[in-house]
C-alpha cells in the first residue's frame, strides 16, 4: 500500500489517496475531484477539468499516466 496526495496528482489539496497500485490511487483522485466539484469546491474544478481532458487526448494523457505510475513506483510502502 502506498499513498499519494491530491496535490501530487495535480490537484489543489493534500487529501491522501491510498492504493496497492497506481491505478487505485488515480481512480481515487478522479473520484475525489468529482466529489469536490459536485460539493461546490471550485478550487478543484481546474484539476477535474484537466483530468477529464487527459482521457479526451490519449497521447498526452498517457504521458501524464506513465509519469503518475513512475511517481507511485518510487514511493515507499506505507
PDB file of N, CA and C in Angstrom:
ATOM      1  N   UNK A   1       0.849  -1.173   0.000  1.00  0.00           N
ATOM      2  CA  UNK A   1       0.000   0.000   0.000  1.00  0.00           C
ATOM      3  C   UNK A   1       0.894   1.235   0.000  1.00  0.00           C
ATOM      4  N   UNK A   2       0.551   2.184  -0.864  1.00  0.00           N
ATOM      5  CA  UNK A   2       1.272   3.440  -0.942  1.00  0.00           C
ATOM      6  C   UNK A   2       0.270   4.585  -0.932  1.00  0.00           C
ATOM      7  N   UNK A   3       0.776   5.784  -0.694  1.00  0.00           N
ATOM      8  CA  UNK A   3      -0.085   6.951  -0.592  1.00  0.00           C
ATOM      9  C   UNK A   3       0.431   8.073  -1.485  1.00  0.00           C
ATOM     10  N   UNK A   4      -0.503   8.707  -2.212  1.00  0.00           N
ATOM     11  CA  UNK A   4      -0.208   9.921  -2.969  1.00  0.00           C
ATOM     12  C   UNK A   4      -1.289  10.933  -2.614  1.00  0.00           C
ATOM     13  N   UNK A   5      -0.923  12.197  -2.615  1.00  0.00           N
ATOM     14  CA  UNK A   5      -1.897  13.235  -2.295  1.00  0.00           C
ATOM     15  C   UNK A   5      -2.532  13.790  -3.565  1.00  0.00           C
ATOM     16  N   UNK A   6      -3.625  14.460  -3.352  1.00  0.00           N
ATOM     17  CA  UNK A   6      -4.303  15.161  -4.442  1.00  0.00           C
ATOM     18  C   UNK A   6      -3.306  16.094  -5.133  1.00  0.00           C
ATOM     19  N   UNK A   7      -2.517  16.814  -4.357  1.00  0.00           N
ATOM     20  CA  UNK A   7      -1.540  17.762  -4.911  1.00  0.00           C
ATOM     21  C   UNK A   7      -0.490  17.049  -5.767  1.00  0.00           C
ATOM     22  N   UNK A   8      -0.022  15.889  -5.324  1.00  0.00           N
ATOM     23  CA  UNK A   8       0.978  15.132  -6.089  1.00  0.00           C
ATOM     24  C   UNK A   8       0.430  14.669  -7.437  1.00  0.00           C
ATOM     25  N   UNK A   9      -0.887  14.547  -7.519  1.00  0.00           N
ATOM     26  CA  UNK A   9      -1.538  14.104  -8.754  1.00  0.00           C
ATOM     27  C   UNK A   9      -2.088  15.279  -9.563  1.00  0.00           C
ATOM     28  N   UNK A  10      -1.720  16.508  -9.171  1.00  0.00           N
ATOM     29  CA  UNK A  10      -2.129  17.679  -9.936  1.00  0.00           C
ATOM     30  C   UNK A  10      -3.278  18.462  -9.357  1.00  0.00           C
ATOM     31  N   UNK A  11      -3.763  18.081  -8.189  1.00  0.00           N
ATOM     32  CA  UNK A  11      -4.872  18.783  -7.558  1.00  0.00           C
ATOM     33  C   UNK A  11      -4.402  19.864  -6.599  1.00  0.00           C
ATOM     34  N   UNK A  12      -5.356  20.542  -5.941  1.00  0.00           N
ATOM     35  CA  UNK A  12      -5.016  21.676  -5.100  1.00  0.00           C
ATOM     36  C   UNK A  12      -4.893  21.400  -3.602  1.00  0.00           C
ATOM     37  N   UNK A  13      -5.116  20.165  -3.145  1.00  0.00           N
ATOM     38  CA  UNK A  13      -5.132  19.926  -1.704  1.00  0.00           C
ATOM     39  C   UNK A  13      -4.245  18.745  -1.319  1.00  0.00           C
ATOM     40  N   UNK A  14      -4.195  18.472  -0.040  1.00  0.00           N
ATOM     41  CA  UNK A  14      -3.330  17.402   0.466  1.00  0.00           C
ATOM     42  C   UNK A  14      -4.115  16.173   0.923  1.00  0.00           C
ATOM     43  N   UNK A  15      -5.311  15.974   0.373  1.00  0.00           N
ATOM     44  CA  UNK A  15      -6.068  14.766   0.673  1.00  0.00           C
ATOM     45  C   UNK A  15      -5.258  13.558   0.226  1.00  0.00           C
ATOM     46  N   UNK A  16      -5.122  12.583   1.116  1.00  0.00           N
ATOM     47  CA  UNK A  16      -4.322  11.391   0.829  1.00  0.00           C
ATOM     48  C   UNK A  16      -5.174  10.312   0.163  1.00  0.00           C
ATOM     49  N   UNK A  17      -4.608   9.710  -0.875  1.00  0.00           N
ATOM     50  CA  UNK A  17      -5.236   8.584  -1.565  1.00  0.00           C
ATOM     51  C   UNK A  17      -4.309   7.388  -1.407  1.00  0.00           C
ATOM     52  N   UNK A  18      -4.881   6.256  -0.997  1.00  0.00           N
ATOM     53  CA  UNK A  18      -4.098   5.056  -0.737  1.00  0.00           C
ATOM     54  C   UNK A  18      -4.460   3.975  -1.755  1.00  0.00           C
ATOM     55  N   UNK A  19      -3.464   3.189  -2.143  1.00  0.00           N
ATOM     56  CA  UNK A  19      -3.747   2.109  -3.071  1.00  0.00           C
ATOM     57  C   UNK A  19      -2.596   1.132  -3.177  1.00  0.00           C
ATOM     58  N   UNK A  20      -2.924  -0.050  -3.653  1.00  0.00           N
ATOM     59  CA  UNK A  20      -1.921  -1.088  -3.858  1.00  0.00           C
ATOM     60  C   UNK A  20      -1.160  -0.856  -5.160  1.00  0.00           C
ATOM     61  N   UNK A  21      -1.773  -0.103  -6.090  1.00  0.00           N
ATOM     62  CA  UNK A  21      -1.091   0.233  -7.338  1.00  0.00           C
ATOM     63  C   UNK A  21      -1.512   1.629  -7.776  1.00  0.00           C
ATOM     64  N   UNK A  22      -0.836   2.131  -8.782  1.00  0.00           N
ATOM     65  CA  UNK A  22      -1.091   3.494  -9.248  1.00  0.00           C
ATOM     66  C   UNK A  22      -2.525   3.666  -9.746  1.00  0.00           C
ATOM     67  N   UNK A  23      -3.081   2.641 -10.357  1.00  0.00           N
ATOM     68  CA  UNK A  23      -4.444   2.749 -10.868  1.00  0.00           C
ATOM     69  C   UNK A  23      -5.458   3.005  -9.766  1.00  0.00           C
ATOM     70  N   UNK A  24      -5.287   2.366  -8.614  1.00  0.00           N
ATOM     71  CA  UNK A  24      -6.204   2.591  -7.492  1.00  0.00           C
ATOM     72  C   UNK A  24      -6.123   4.032  -7.014  1.00  0.00           C
ATOM     73  N   UNK A  25      -4.916   4.563  -6.941  1.00  0.00           N
ATOM     74  CA  UNK A  25      -4.726   5.930  -6.471  1.00  0.00           C
ATOM     75  C   UNK A  25      -5.283   6.930  -7.484  1.00  0.00           C
ATOM     76  N   UNK A  26      -5.053   6.679  -8.766  1.00  0.00           N
ATOM     77  CA  UNK A  26      -5.574   7.563  -9.807  1.00  0.00           C
ATOM     78  C   UNK A  26      -7.099   7.547  -9.805  1.00  0.00           C
ATOM     79  N   UNK A  27      -7.682   6.376  -9.646  1.00  0.00           N
ATOM     80  CA  UNK A  27      -9.140   6.272  -9.578  1.00  0.00           C
ATOM     81  C   UNK A  27      -9.673   7.036  -8.363  1.00  0.00           C
ATOM     82  N   UNK A  28      -9.002   6.912  -7.225  1.00  0.00           N
ATOM     83  CA  UNK A  28      -9.419   7.632  -6.019  1.00  0.00           C
ATOM     84  C   UNK A  28      -9.327   9.142  -6.237  1.00  0.00           C
ATOM     85  N   UNK A  29      -8.281   9.587  -6.928  1.00  0.00           N
ATOM     86  CA  UNK A  29      -8.123  11.017  -7.225  1.00  0.00           C
ATOM     87  C   UNK A  29      -9.244  11.496  -8.130  1.00  0.00           C
ATOM     88  N   UNK A  30      -9.560  10.722  -9.146  1.00  0.00           N
ATOM     89  CA  UNK A  30     -10.633  11.079 -10.071  1.00  0.00           C
ATOM     90  C   UNK A  30     -11.948  11.237  -9.311  1.00  0.00           C
ATOM     91  N   UNK A  31     -12.254  10.283  -8.441  1.00  0.00           N
ATOM     92  CA  UNK A  31     -13.493  10.358  -7.663  1.00  0.00           C
ATOM     93  C   UNK A  31     -13.462  11.538  -6.699  1.00  0.00           C
ATOM     94  N   UNK A  32     -12.325  11.778  -6.062  1.00  0.00           N
ATOM     95  CA  UNK A  32     -12.162  12.911  -5.148  1.00  0.00           C
ATOM     96  C   UNK A  32     -12.446  14.229  -5.864  1.00  0.00           C
ATOM     97  N   UNK A  33     -11.893  14.387  -7.069  1.00  0.00           N
ATOM     98  CA  UNK A  33     -12.113  15.617  -7.829  1.00  0.00           C
ATOM     99  C   UNK A  33     -13.584  15.779  -8.193  1.00  0.00           C
ATOM    100  N   UNK A  34     -14.220  14.709  -8.647  1.00  0.00           N
ATOM    101  CA  UNK A  34     -15.644  14.764  -8.989  1.00  0.00           C
ATOM    102  C   UNK A  34     -16.485  15.134  -7.776  1.00  0.00           C
ATOM    103  N   UNK A  35     -16.212  14.493  -6.645  1.00  0.00           N
ATOM    104  CA  UNK A  35     -16.971  14.759  -5.423  1.00  0.00           C
ATOM    105  C   UNK A  35     -16.772  16.188  -4.932  1.00  0.00           C
ATOM    106  N   UNK A  36     -15.533  16.667  -4.980  1.00  0.00           N
ATOM    107  CA  UNK A  36     -15.241  18.024  -4.505  1.00  0.00           C
ATOM    108  C   UNK A  36     -15.970  19.058  -5.354  1.00  0.00           C
ATOM    109  N   UNK A  37     -15.927  18.901  -6.674  1.00  0.00           N
ATOM    110  CA  UNK A  37     -16.605  19.847  -7.559  1.00  0.00           C
ATOM    111  C   UNK A  37     -18.119  19.768  -7.360  1.00  0.00           C
ATOM    112  N   UNK A  38     -18.645  18.560  -7.230  1.00  0.00           N
ATOM    113  CA  UNK A  38     -20.088  18.393  -7.012  1.00  0.00           C
ATOM    114  C   UNK A  38     -20.537  19.043  -5.709  1.00  0.00           C
ATOM    115  N   UNK A  39     -19.639  19.094  -4.719  1.00  0.00           N
ATOM    116  CA  UNK A  39     -19.956  19.717  -3.436  1.00  0.00           C
ATOM    117  C   UNK A  39     -19.748  21.230  -3.470  1.00  0.00           C
ATOM    118  N   UNK A  40     -19.334  21.755  -4.636  1.00  0.00           N
ATOM    119  CA  UNK A  40     -19.176  23.198  -4.787  1.00  0.00           C
ATOM    120  C   UNK A  40     -17.782  23.732  -4.524  1.00  0.00           C
ATOM    121  N   UNK A  41     -16.807  22.853  -4.410  1.00  0.00           N
ATOM    122  CA  UNK A  41     -15.427  23.271  -4.158  1.00  0.00           C
ATOM    123  C   UNK A  41     -14.781  23.679  -5.479  1.00  0.00           C
ATOM    124  N   UNK A  42     -14.796  24.961  -5.753  1.00  0.00           N
ATOM    125  CA  UNK A  42     -14.271  25.475  -7.027  1.00  0.00           C
ATOM    126  C   UNK A  42     -12.758  25.359  -7.138  1.00  0.00           C
ATOM    127  N   UNK A  43     -12.053  25.184  -6.018  1.00  0.00           N
ATOM    128  CA  UNK A  43     -10.596  25.055  -6.088  1.00  0.00           C
ATOM    129  C   UNK A  43     -10.189  23.773  -6.805  1.00  0.00           C
ATOM    130  N   UNK A  44     -11.096  22.808  -6.877  1.00  0.00           N
ATOM    131  CA  UNK A  44     -10.801  21.534  -7.534  1.00  0.00           C
ATOM    132  C   UNK A  44     -11.266  21.485  -8.992  1.00  0.00           C
ATOM    133  N   UNK A  45     -11.996  22.508  -9.432  1.00  0.00           N
ATOM    134  CA  UNK A  45     -12.587  22.466 -10.776  1.00  0.00           C
ATOM    135  C   UNK A  45     -11.535  22.368 -11.875  1.00  0.00           C
ATOM    136  N   UNK A  46     -10.483  23.157 -11.802  1.00  0.00           N
ATOM    137  CA  UNK A  46      -9.495  23.115 -12.892  1.00  0.00           C
ATOM    138  C   UNK A  46      -8.802  21.753 -12.949  1.00  0.00           C
ATOM    139  N   UNK A  47      -8.507  21.165 -11.791  1.00  0.00           N
ATOM    140  CA  UNK A  47      -7.885  19.837 -11.772  1.00  0.00           C
ATOM    141  C   UNK A  47      -8.856  18.790 -12.323  1.00  0.00           C
ATOM    142  N   UNK A  48     -10.132  18.920 -12.003  1.00  0.00           N
ATOM    143  CA  UNK A  48     -11.138  17.985 -12.522  1.00  0.00           C
ATOM    144  C   UNK A  48     -11.247  18.120 -14.041  1.00  0.00           C
ATOM    145  N   UNK A  49     -11.223  19.358 -14.530  1.00  0.00           N
ATOM    146  CA  UNK A  49     -11.289  19.575 -15.973  1.00  0.00           C
ATOM    147  C   UNK A  49     -10.058  19.006 -16.668  1.00  0.00           C
ATOM    148  N   UNK A  50      -8.887  19.160 -16.039  1.00  0.00           N
ATOM    149  CA  UNK A  50      -7.665  18.592 -16.604  1.00  0.00           C
ATOM    150  C   UNK A  50      -7.751  17.070 -16.647  1.00  0.00           C
ATOM    151  N   UNK A  51      -8.298  16.465 -15.576  1.00  0.00           N
ATOM    152  CA  UNK A  51      -8.427  15.010 -15.531  1.00  0.00           C
ATOM    153  C   UNK A  51      -9.330  14.534 -16.675  1.00  0.00           C
ATOM    154  N   UNK A  52     -10.447  15.209 -16.871  1.00  0.00           N
ATOM    155  CA  UNK A  52     -11.343  14.832 -17.969  1.00  0.00           C
ATOM    156  C   UNK A  52     -10.641  14.981 -19.313  1.00  0.00           C
ATOM    157  N   UNK A  53      -9.894  16.064 -19.461  1.00  0.00           N
ATOM    158  CA  UNK A  53      -9.202  16.334 -20.715  1.00  0.00           C
ATOM    159  C   UNK A  53      -8.139  15.305 -21.046  1.00  0.00           C
ATOM    160  N   UNK A  54      -7.520  14.740 -20.014  1.00  0.00           N
ATOM    161  CA  UNK A  54      -6.484  13.719 -20.260  1.00  0.00           C
ATOM    162  C   UNK A  54      -7.046  12.527 -21.010  1.00  0.00           C
ATOM    163  N   UNK A  55      -8.255  12.164 -20.694  1.00  0.00           N
ATOM    164  CA  UNK A  55      -8.848  10.985 -21.331  1.00  0.00           C
ATOM    165  C   UNK A  55      -9.393  11.314 -22.707  1.00  0.00           C
ATOM    166  N   UNK A  56      -9.572  12.618 -23.000  1.00  0.00           N
ATOM    167  CA  UNK A  56     -10.010  13.022 -24.343  1.00  0.00           C
ATOM    168  C   UNK A  56      -8.837  13.137 -25.313  1.00  0.00           C
ATOM    169  N   UNK A  57      -7.634  13.309 -24.745  1.00  0.00           N
ATOM    170  CA  UNK A  57      -6.411  13.415 -25.558  1.00  0.00           C
ATOM    171  C   UNK A  57      -5.497  12.258 -25.159  1.00  0.00           C
ATOM    172  N   UNK A  58      -5.679  11.101 -25.774  1.00  0.00           N
ATOM    173  CA  UNK A  58      -4.996   9.882 -25.329  1.00  0.00           C
ATOM    174  C   UNK A  58      -3.468   9.963 -25.310  1.00  0.00           C
ATOM    175  N   UNK A  59      -2.860  10.625 -26.265  1.00  0.00           N
ATOM    176  CA  UNK A  59      -1.397  10.638 -26.314  1.00  0.00           C
ATOM    177  C   UNK A  59      -0.834  11.450 -25.155  1.00  0.00           C
ATOM    178  N   UNK A  60      -1.305  12.678 -24.971  1.00  0.00           N
ATOM    179  CA  UNK A  60      -0.794  13.480 -23.852  1.00  0.00           C
ATOM    180  C   UNK A  60      -1.287  12.913 -22.520  1.00  0.00           C
ATOM    181  N   UNK A  61      -2.471  12.320 -22.509  1.00  0.00           N
ATOM    182  CA  UNK A  61      -2.987  11.693 -21.293  1.00  0.00           C
ATOM    183  C   UNK A  61      -2.124  10.528 -20.848  1.00  0.00           C
ATOM    184  N   UNK A  62      -1.627   9.769 -21.801  1.00  0.00           N
ATOM    185  CA  UNK A  62      -0.754   8.639 -21.463  1.00  0.00           C
ATOM    186  C   UNK A  62       0.574   9.111 -20.888  1.00  0.00           C
ATOM    187  N   UNK A  63       1.044  10.257 -21.338  1.00  0.00           N
ATOM    188  CA  UNK A  63       2.280  10.811 -20.779  1.00  0.00           C
ATOM    189  C   UNK A  63       2.092  11.101 -19.295  1.00  0.00           C
ATOM    190  N   UNK A  64       0.970  11.740 -18.944  1.00  0.00           N
ATOM    191  CA  UNK A  64       0.671  12.019 -17.540  1.00  0.00           C
ATOM    192  C   UNK A  64       0.521  10.712 -16.760  1.00  0.00           C
ATOM    193  N   UNK A  65      -0.201   9.755 -17.346  1.00  0.00           N
ATOM    194  CA  UNK A  65      -0.455   8.468 -16.697  1.00  0.00           C
ATOM    195  C   UNK A  65       0.843   7.720 -16.406  1.00  0.00           C
ATOM    196  N   UNK A  66       1.727   7.682 -17.366  1.00  0.00           N
ATOM    197  CA  UNK A  66       3.004   6.980 -17.163  1.00  0.00           C
ATOM    198  C   UNK A  66       3.846   7.667 -16.093  1.00  0.00           C
ATOM    199  N   UNK A  67       3.808   9.005 -16.053  1.00  0.00           N
ATOM    200  CA  UNK A  67       4.549   9.731 -15.028  1.00  0.00           C
ATOM    201  C   UNK A  67       3.954   9.446 -13.650  1.00  0.00           C
ATOM    202  N   UNK A  68       2.637   9.405 -13.550  1.00  0.00           N
ATOM    203  CA  UNK A  68       1.985   9.089 -12.277  1.00  0.00           C
ATOM    204  C   UNK A  68       2.369   7.679 -11.827  1.00  0.00           C
ATOM    205  N   UNK A  69       2.457   6.746 -12.765  1.00  0.00           N
ATOM    206  CA  UNK A  69       2.874   5.386 -12.421  1.00  0.00           C
ATOM    207  C   UNK A  69       4.313   5.364 -11.912  1.00  0.00           C
ATOM    208  N   UNK A  70       5.203   6.103 -12.567  1.00  0.00           N
ATOM    209  CA  UNK A  70       6.601   6.168 -12.115  1.00  0.00           C
ATOM    210  C   UNK A  70       6.705   6.807 -10.733  1.00  0.00           C
ATOM    211  N   UNK A  71       5.945   7.891 -10.531  1.00  0.00           N
ATOM    212  CA  UNK A  71       5.964   8.556  -9.222  1.00  0.00           C
ATOM    213  C   UNK A  71       5.463   7.620  -8.133  1.00  0.00           C
ATOM    214  N   UNK A  72       4.412   6.872  -8.438  1.00  0.00           N
ATOM    215  CA  UNK A  72       3.865   5.922  -7.469  1.00  0.00           C
ATOM    216  C   UNK A  72       4.892   4.832  -7.162  1.00  0.00           C
ATOM    217  N   UNK A  73       5.519   4.309  -8.190  1.00  0.00           N
ATOM    218  CA  UNK A  73       6.509   3.222  -8.007  1.00  0.00           C
ATOM    219  C   UNK A  73       7.680   3.681  -7.152  1.00  0.00           C
ATOM    220  N   UNK A  74       8.030   4.951  -7.217  1.00  0.00           N
ATOM    221  CA  UNK A  74       9.170   5.471  -6.468  1.00  0.00           C
ATOM    222  C   UNK A  74       8.857   5.707  -4.981  1.00  0.00           C
ATOM    223  N   UNK A  75       7.585   5.677  -4.631  1.00  0.00           N
ATOM    224  CA  UNK A  75       7.198   5.928  -3.242  1.00  0.00           C
ATOM    225  C   UNK A  75       7.516   4.735  -2.353  1.00  0.00           C
ATOM    226  N   UNK A  76       7.805   5.009  -1.075  1.00  0.00           N
ATOM    227  CA  UNK A  76       7.976   3.897  -0.135  1.00  0.00           C
ATOM    228  C   UNK A  76       6.624   3.319   0.241  1.00  0.00           C
ATOM    229  N   UNK A  77       6.627   2.091   0.674  1.00  0.00           N
ATOM    230  CA  UNK A  77       5.396   1.464   1.182  1.00  0.00           C
ATOM    231  C   UNK A  77       4.974   2.171   2.463  1.00  0.00           C
ATOM    232  N   UNK A  78       3.663   2.258   2.680  1.00  0.00           N
ATOM    233  CA  UNK A  78       3.144   2.883   3.916  1.00  0.00           C
ATOM    234  C   UNK A  78       3.455   2.025   5.106  1.00  0.00           C
TER     235      UNK A  78
END
